[in-house]
Amino acid sequence: MTPPATITVRPAGPDDVPALGRFGALLMAMHHDLDADRFIAPGPRTERGYGSFLAAQLGRSDSIVLVAEATGPGDEGTDGS
C-alpha cells in the first residue's frame, strides 16, 4: 500500500498566483455547471483576473491567501498548489 502524500498548508506567494488563477476559474466553472442561473461562466480572462485579485491580497494585514501542497507518494497529477 502506498502511504498518503504529506499535505502542507502555507501562505501563498507570488509563484502560486498562476495556479490560484487556474483553480479559481475551475471553481467558477463548477459553480456555473451546477447552477447556471445563479453563477456566471468563466471567460477567457478569468484565470488572469482571479489570479490578479488574489495576488493583490498577498501581504495585506486584513486578508490571508493559503495554499495546500501535496508532496510524496500519492501526489501524482498535482501541480503542488
Protein backbone atom coordinates (compact mmCIF):
# COMPACT_ATOMS: atom_id res chain seq x y z
CA MET A 1 0.00 0.00 0.00
CA THR A 2 1.28 3.47 -0.91
CA PRO A 3 1.47 5.88 2.00
CA PRO A 4 -0.54 9.08 1.60
CA ALA A 5 1.03 12.30 0.46
CA THR A 6 2.11 14.85 3.04
CA ILE A 7 -0.09 17.95 2.97
CA THR A 8 1.45 21.28 3.92
CA VAL A 9 -0.67 24.44 4.24
CA ARG A 10 1.25 27.69 3.91
CA PRO A 11 0.74 31.32 2.94
CA ALA A 12 0.56 31.82 -0.81
CA GLY A 13 3.34 33.65 -2.57
CA PRO A 14 3.80 35.27 -5.97
CA ASP A 15 4.87 31.96 -7.55
CA ASP A 16 1.47 30.48 -6.62
CA VAL A 17 -0.59 33.08 -8.49
CA PRO A 18 -0.88 31.19 -11.82
CA ALA A 19 -2.16 28.05 -10.06
CA LEU A 20 -4.53 30.13 -7.92
CA GLY A 21 -5.95 31.69 -11.08
CA ARG A 22 -6.46 28.26 -12.67
CA PHE A 23 -8.16 26.88 -9.57
CA GLY A 24 -10.35 29.98 -9.28
CA ALA A 25 -11.51 29.56 -12.89
CA LEU A 26 -12.22 25.88 -12.27
CA LEU A 27 -14.26 26.78 -9.19
CA MET A 28 -16.28 29.30 -11.21
CA ALA A 29 -16.88 26.69 -13.93
CA MET A 30 -18.05 24.13 -11.37
CA HIS A 31 -20.47 26.60 -9.79
CA HIS A 32 -21.80 27.60 -13.20
CA ASP A 33 -22.24 23.95 -14.23
CA LEU A 34 -24.23 23.28 -11.05
CA ASP A 35 -26.47 26.35 -11.32
CA ALA A 36 -26.08 28.45 -14.45
CA ASP A 37 -28.89 30.78 -13.37
CA ARG A 38 -27.02 31.87 -10.25
CA PHE A 39 -23.36 31.78 -11.29
CA ILE A 40 -21.57 33.39 -14.21
CA ALA A 41 -19.48 31.27 -16.54
CA PRO A 42 -15.72 31.81 -16.62
CA GLY A 43 -14.45 33.66 -19.65
CA PRO A 44 -11.13 33.85 -21.48
CA ARG A 45 -9.63 36.24 -18.88
CA THR A 46 -10.97 34.58 -15.74
CA GLU A 47 -7.72 32.83 -14.76
CA ARG A 48 -5.74 36.05 -15.07
CA GLY A 49 -8.38 38.11 -13.26
CA TYR A 50 -8.83 35.65 -10.41
CA GLY A 51 -5.07 35.33 -10.03
CA SER A 52 -4.62 39.12 -10.10
CA PHE A 53 -7.25 39.62 -7.43
CA LEU A 54 -5.64 37.06 -5.12
CA ALA A 55 -2.16 38.44 -5.86
CA ALA A 56 -3.38 41.85 -4.68
CA GLN A 57 -4.36 40.26 -1.34
CA LEU A 58 -0.87 38.85 -0.66
CA GLY A 59 0.88 40.63 2.17
CA ARG A 60 -2.20 42.55 3.29
CA SER A 61 -2.76 42.59 7.03
CA ASP A 62 -6.53 42.18 6.65
CA SER A 63 -6.56 39.10 4.40
CA ILE A 64 -4.89 35.74 4.00
CA VAL A 65 -4.43 33.51 0.99
CA LEU A 66 -3.31 29.96 1.72
CA VAL A 67 -2.22 27.07 -0.48
CA ALA A 68 -2.06 23.38 0.30
CA GLU A 69 0.81 21.40 -1.19
CA ALA A 70 0.84 17.64 -1.55
CA THR A 71 4.28 16.04 -1.58
CA GLY A 72 5.50 12.48 -1.54
CA PRO A 73 3.69 9.30 -2.56
CA GLY A 74 0.18 9.83 -3.82
CA ASP A 75 0.70 13.32 -5.23
CA GLU A 76 0.79 12.24 -8.88
CA GLY A 77 -1.14 14.56 -11.14
CA THR A 78 -0.96 17.61 -8.86
CA ASP A 79 0.95 20.76 -9.55
CA GLY A 80 1.86 21.28 -5.90
CA SER A 81 -0.58 24.10 -5.19
